[in-house]
């Protein structure tokens, strides 16, 4: 059985003209790559017909130097409304198919109050669409503006103080979605000015392990993955990563398997690992 929060490319192709549906391209570049692609240009070159483009970077809170931070309710409401999305629409989000960024948009929408039944992620992303030989369109899609009302749920975002409290007192599991080499401190961080290593006591569950062959693992596979890493999905969890993006992939997988209490540390390692801070760092 697969997550109830994904749809297949076949399903999307059959429902693409539904008036209640809005398809959103959430592709974004990955840090540390030698040649960072312009994902808006990729969207303009070819996207699923009717899809609007959500710039996650551009939608983030610009009042902080930390990347990808959750915007204010007013700012997010304006962005969604300008994309032609209302609180009544069902939204299908997609990335390249690696679950790198679409779950971040899913988490943002879920945490500002859009019902979970109205938010879906395309399994396999645009790669799955291409594999079926389905048509794409070029250029920018615009929709008539709608009214969207965002209200961030209390406790959805965890702060550095929240995480420090867990480090000092326990009671909550901290999951880190970064690659093992970065978590262990064996590989330098892609962003300058950061320590290598991890938050003391945290558990490494690389976000790449929630998928296989470009698709989200079945629910049994997700449960097995978390269990193999020593995660008890019944207990409170905080997810983290490099900058708050792939942490949402873990949140998406955890929500799929029914984990009851999952918060996201939005500052993530970019905040905690700052070489100018004196917060504890573990390696190995």
Protein backbone atom coordinates (compact mmCIF):
# COMPACT_ATOMS: atom_id res chain seq x y z
CA UNK A 1 0.00 0.00 0.00
CA UNK A 2 1.26 3.47 -0.91
CA UNK A 3 0.94 6.76 0.94
CA UNK A 4 -2.54 8.29 0.73
CA UNK A 5 -0.88 11.64 0.03
CA UNK A 6 0.57 10.80 -3.39
CA UNK A 7 -0.95 10.46 -6.83
CA UNK A 8 0.43 8.67 -9.87
CA UNK A 9 1.20 10.25 -13.23
CA UNK A 10 -1.65 8.15 -14.66
CA UNK A 11 -4.09 9.61 -12.14
CA UNK A 12 -2.92 13.15 -12.78
CA UNK A 13 -3.22 12.73 -16.54
CA UNK A 14 -6.84 11.61 -16.05
CA UNK A 15 -7.67 14.57 -13.78
CA UNK A 16 -5.61 17.32 -15.34
CA UNK A 17 -8.64 19.29 -16.52
CA UNK A 18 -10.53 19.12 -13.20
CA UNK A 19 -11.55 22.67 -12.27
CA UNK A 20 -10.87 21.99 -8.60
CA UNK A 21 -7.26 20.95 -9.27
CA UNK A 22 -4.12 23.10 -9.41
CA UNK A 23 -0.81 21.55 -10.43
CA UNK A 24 2.28 23.20 -8.96
CA UNK A 25 5.85 22.78 -10.18
CA UNK A 26 8.09 22.99 -7.09
CA UNK A 27 11.46 22.12 -8.63
CA UNK A 28 14.37 23.87 -6.94
CA UNK A 29 18.18 23.62 -7.22
CA UNK A 30 20.22 21.56 -4.79
CA UNK A 31 23.08 23.25 -2.88
CA UNK A 32 26.66 22.24 -3.48
CA UNK A 33 26.29 21.18 -7.11
CA UNK A 34 29.03 22.32 -9.49
CA UNK A 35 26.51 23.83 -11.88
CA UNK A 36 23.30 25.06 -10.25
CA UNK A 37 20.41 24.90 -12.71
CA UNK A 38 17.86 27.67 -13.04
CA UNK A 39 14.71 25.77 -12.15
CA UNK A 40 12.39 28.56 -13.29
CA UNK A 41 14.06 28.29 -16.70
CA UNK A 42 13.57 24.50 -16.57
CA UNK A 43 9.89 25.09 -15.84
CA UNK A 44 9.55 27.56 -18.71
CA UNK A 45 11.24 25.09 -21.07
CA UNK A 46 8.82 22.30 -20.24
CA UNK A 47 6.28 21.55 -17.52
CA UNK A 48 3.14 19.53 -16.93
CA UNK A 49 0.32 21.28 -18.82
CA UNK A 50 -1.41 23.90 -16.71
CA UNK A 51 1.17 23.83 -13.92
CA UNK A 52 2.09 27.07 -12.17
CA UNK A 53 5.56 27.56 -10.72
CA UNK A 54 6.21 27.96 -7.00
CA UNK A 55 9.59 29.49 -6.23
CA UNK A 56 10.24 28.09 -2.75
CA UNK A 57 13.31 30.27 -2.31
CA UNK A 58 11.42 33.37 -3.40
CA UNK A 59 8.50 32.51 -1.14
CA UNK A 60 10.68 32.23 1.97
CA UNK A 61 11.06 34.76 4.79
CA UNK A 62 13.59 37.33 3.58
CA UNK A 63 13.94 39.04 6.97
CA UNK A 64 16.42 36.35 8.08
CA UNK A 65 19.73 35.28 6.50
CA UNK A 66 18.71 31.65 6.95
CA UNK A 67 17.50 30.00 3.72
CA UNK A 68 14.02 28.62 3.00
CA UNK A 69 12.48 29.84 6.26
CA UNK A 70 8.69 29.74 6.48
CA UNK A 71 7.16 33.06 5.34
CA UNK A 72 4.60 35.03 7.28
CA UNK A 73 0.96 34.08 6.95
CA UNK A 74 0.26 37.28 5.02
CA UNK A 75 3.14 36.74 2.60
CA UNK A 76 2.27 33.10 1.97
CA UNK A 77 -1.40 33.93 1.50
CA UNK A 78 -0.47 36.51 -1.12
CA UNK A 79 1.87 34.11 -2.95
CA UNK A 80 -0.72 31.32 -3.10
CA UNK A 81 -3.49 33.68 -4.11
CA UNK A 82 -1.39 35.17 -6.91
CA UNK A 83 -0.76 31.64 -8.22
CA UNK A 84 -4.50 31.17 -8.51
CA UNK A 85 -4.83 28.86 -5.52
CA UNK A 86 -7.65 29.13 -2.99
CA UNK A 87 -8.36 27.18 0.19
CA UNK A 88 -10.92 25.15 -1.77
CA UNK A 89 -8.53 23.82 -4.42
CA UNK A 90 -6.84 20.44 -4.44
CA UNK A 91 -3.14 20.98 -5.08
CA UNK A 92 -0.80 18.48 -6.75
CA UNK A 93 2.87 19.28 -6.20
CA UNK A 94 5.79 17.90 -8.14
CA UNK A 95 9.58 18.09 -8.31
CA UNK A 96 12.07 16.16 -10.42
CA UNK A 97 10.95 12.91 -8.81
CA UNK A 98 13.48 12.65 -5.98
CA UNK A 99 11.16 14.04 -3.27
CA UNK A 100 13.68 16.83 -2.74
CA UNK A 101 11.39 19.85 -2.76
CA UNK A 102 7.74 18.92 -3.38
CA UNK A 103 7.36 17.68 0.24
CA UNK A 104 8.54 21.10 1.45
CA UNK A 105 5.66 22.76 -0.40
CA UNK A 106 3.34 20.02 0.92
CA UNK A 107 4.47 20.72 4.49
CA UNK A 108 4.05 24.48 4.07
CA UNK A 109 0.49 24.10 2.80
CA UNK A 110 -0.43 21.55 5.44
CA UNK A 111 0.92 23.68 8.27
CA UNK A 112 -0.98 26.80 7.20
CA UNK A 113 -4.28 24.96 7.29
CA UNK A 114 -5.00 23.42 3.90
CA UNK A 115 -6.66 20.05 4.67
CA UNK A 116 -4.46 17.02 3.99
CA UNK A 117 -7.07 15.60 1.60
CA UNK A 118 -6.46 18.62 -0.66
CA UNK A 119 -2.65 18.28 -0.91
CA UNK A 120 -0.97 15.61 -2.99
CA UNK A 121 2.56 14.94 -4.24
CA UNK A 122 3.11 13.45 -7.69
CA UNK A 123 4.86 10.11 -7.21
CA UNK A 124 7.96 10.09 -9.37
CA UNK A 125 7.64 13.79 -10.15
CA UNK A 126 8.01 15.10 -13.67
CA UNK A 127 10.30 12.16 -14.44
CA UNK A 128 7.31 9.82 -14.07
CA UNK A 129 5.35 12.09 -16.40
CA UNK A 130 8.13 11.90 -18.99
CA UNK A 131 8.40 8.11 -18.62
CA UNK A 132 4.78 7.78 -19.73
CA UNK A 133 5.49 9.93 -22.77
CA UNK A 134 2.91 12.49 -21.68
CA UNK A 135 2.87 15.95 -23.22
CA UNK A 136 4.46 18.98 -21.61
CA UNK A 137 4.00 22.66 -22.38
CA UNK A 138 6.42 25.57 -22.37
CA UNK A 139 6.11 29.14 -21.18
CA UNK A 140 4.55 30.49 -18.02
CA UNK A 141 1.08 29.45 -16.95
CA UNK A 142 -0.95 32.10 -15.16
CA UNK A 143 -4.26 31.70 -13.40
CA UNK A 144 -6.77 34.27 -12.22
CA UNK A 145 -5.89 35.40 -8.69
CA UNK A 146 -7.75 33.74 -5.84
CA UNK A 147 -8.12 34.44 -2.14
CA UNK A 148 -5.98 32.18 0.03
CA UNK A 149 -5.96 32.38 3.82
CA UNK A 150 -2.91 30.97 5.62
CA UNK A 151 -2.64 30.50 9.38
CA UNK A 152 0.45 28.71 10.66
CA UNK A 153 -0.36 25.96 13.15
CA UNK A 154 1.06 26.44 16.62
CA UNK A 155 4.08 24.23 17.26
CA UNK A 156 4.59 23.26 13.62
CA UNK A 157 7.96 25.01 13.47
CA UNK A 158 10.60 24.15 16.03
CA UNK A 159 13.22 26.72 17.03
CA UNK A 160 16.84 26.40 18.10
CA UNK A 161 15.66 26.73 21.71
CA UNK A 162 13.23 23.85 21.23
CA UNK A 163 16.01 21.67 19.85
CA UNK A 164 18.45 22.67 22.58
CA UNK A 165 15.84 21.67 25.15
CA UNK A 166 15.68 18.21 23.56
CA UNK A 167 19.48 17.94 23.50
CA UNK A 168 19.64 18.78 27.19
CA UNK A 169 16.54 17.00 28.46
CA UNK A 170 15.51 14.38 25.88
CA UNK A 171 11.91 13.33 25.38
CA UNK A 172 11.81 13.80 21.61
CA UNK A 173 13.61 12.11 18.72
CA UNK A 174 15.52 14.37 16.31
CA UNK A 175 15.85 12.99 12.77
CA UNK A 176 18.42 14.44 10.37
CA UNK A 177 17.69 13.99 6.65
CA UNK A 178 21.19 14.84 5.38
CA UNK A 179 23.50 12.31 3.73
CA UNK A 180 25.46 10.10 6.11
CA UNK A 181 28.81 11.67 5.28
CA UNK A 182 27.59 15.12 6.25
CA UNK A 183 25.86 13.82 9.38
CA UNK A 184 29.00 12.02 10.54
CA UNK A 185 31.20 15.02 9.84
CA UNK A 186 33.20 13.18 7.18
CA UNK A 187 32.13 15.48 4.34
CA UNK A 188 32.23 19.27 4.27
CA UNK A 189 28.93 21.12 4.21
CA UNK A 190 27.92 22.60 0.84
CA UNK A 191 27.26 25.96 2.50
CA UNK A 192 30.29 27.89 3.81
CA UNK A 193 30.69 28.82 7.46
CA UNK A 194 29.23 25.62 8.90
CA UNK A 195 30.70 22.95 11.14
CA UNK A 196 30.64 19.35 9.97
CA UNK A 197 28.68 16.93 12.14
CA UNK A 198 25.24 16.78 13.69
CA UNK A 199 23.03 17.76 16.60
CA UNK A 200 23.99 15.58 19.59
CA UNK A 201 21.63 12.64 20.04
CA UNK A 202 20.02 13.01 16.61
CA UNK A 203 19.33 10.06 14.31
CA UNK A 204 20.44 10.05 10.69
CA UNK A 205 17.72 9.04 8.24
CA UNK A 206 18.88 10.30 4.82
CA UNK A 207 15.87 11.50 2.87
CA UNK A 208 17.02 9.45 -0.12
CA UNK A 209 16.09 6.30 1.82
CA UNK A 210 12.35 6.99 1.72
CA UNK A 211 12.26 6.35 -2.02
CA UNK A 212 13.37 3.62 -4.39
CA UNK A 213 13.57 3.66 -8.17
CA UNK A 214 12.42 7.25 -8.17
CA UNK A 215 9.18 6.60 -6.24
CA UNK A 216 8.12 6.83 -2.61
CA UNK A 217 8.43 3.48 -0.85
CA UNK A 218 5.22 1.63 0.08
CA UNK A 219 4.04 2.19 3.65
CA UNK A 220 5.56 -1.08 4.88
CA UNK A 221 8.88 -0.06 3.34
CA UNK A 222 8.76 3.34 5.03
CA UNK A 223 7.99 1.76 8.41
CA UNK A 224 10.87 -0.66 7.94
CA UNK A 225 13.26 2.15 7.03
CA UNK A 226 12.42 4.14 10.15
CA UNK A 227 12.58 1.03 12.35
CA UNK A 228 15.99 0.06 10.96
CA UNK A 229 17.29 3.46 12.04
CA UNK A 230 15.88 3.01 15.53
CA UNK A 231 13.03 5.48 15.15
CA UNK A 232 9.84 4.93 17.13
CA UNK A 233 7.18 6.64 15.03
CA UNK A 234 4.75 6.58 17.97
CA UNK A 235 6.89 9.08 19.93
CA UNK A 236 7.39 12.82 19.34
CA UNK A 237 9.77 13.66 16.49
CA UNK A 238 11.55 16.77 15.22
CA UNK A 239 12.89 16.57 11.68
CA UNK A 240 15.91 18.54 10.51
CA UNK A 241 18.33 18.69 7.56
CA UNK A 242 20.62 21.28 5.99
CA UNK A 243 18.16 24.10 5.48
CA UNK A 244 14.64 22.83 6.19
CA UNK A 245 13.83 21.40 2.75
CA UNK A 246 14.58 17.67 2.85
CA UNK A 247 13.48 17.55 6.49
CA UNK A 248 10.00 17.97 5.01
CA UNK A 249 10.53 14.78 2.99
CA UNK A 250 10.92 12.90 6.28
CA UNK A 251 7.87 14.72 7.65
CA UNK A 252 5.92 13.62 4.57
CA UNK A 253 6.99 9.98 5.01
CA UNK A 254 6.24 10.07 8.74
CA UNK A 255 2.81 11.60 8.16
CA UNK A 256 2.15 8.89 5.60
CA UNK A 257 2.76 6.13 8.15
CA UNK A 258 0.68 7.82 10.84
CA UNK A 259 3.34 9.36 13.10
CA UNK A 260 1.26 11.49 15.48
CA UNK A 261 3.68 14.25 16.50
CA UNK A 262 6.16 15.68 14.00
CA UNK A 263 7.67 19.17 14.13
CA UNK A 264 10.20 20.67 11.73
CA UNK A 265 13.32 22.58 12.78
CA UNK A 266 13.26 25.27 10.12
CA UNK A 267 16.67 26.77 10.93
CA UNK A 268 18.17 23.28 10.60
CA UNK A 269 21.93 22.73 10.29
CA UNK A 270 22.44 26.12 8.63
CA UNK A 271 21.51 27.67 11.97
CA UNK A 272 22.76 25.02 14.41
CA UNK A 273 26.06 24.36 12.62
CA UNK A 274 27.06 28.03 12.29
CA UNK A 275 30.78 28.25 13.18
CA UNK A 276 30.07 31.53 14.96
CA UNK A 277 27.74 29.86 17.44
CA UNK A 278 28.66 27.87 20.51
CA UNK A 279 26.06 25.15 20.21
CA UNK A 280 27.19 21.54 20.70
CA UNK A 281 28.18 19.50 17.65
CA UNK A 282 28.68 15.75 17.49
CA UNK A 283 30.54 13.66 14.91
CA UNK A 284 30.68 10.03 13.97
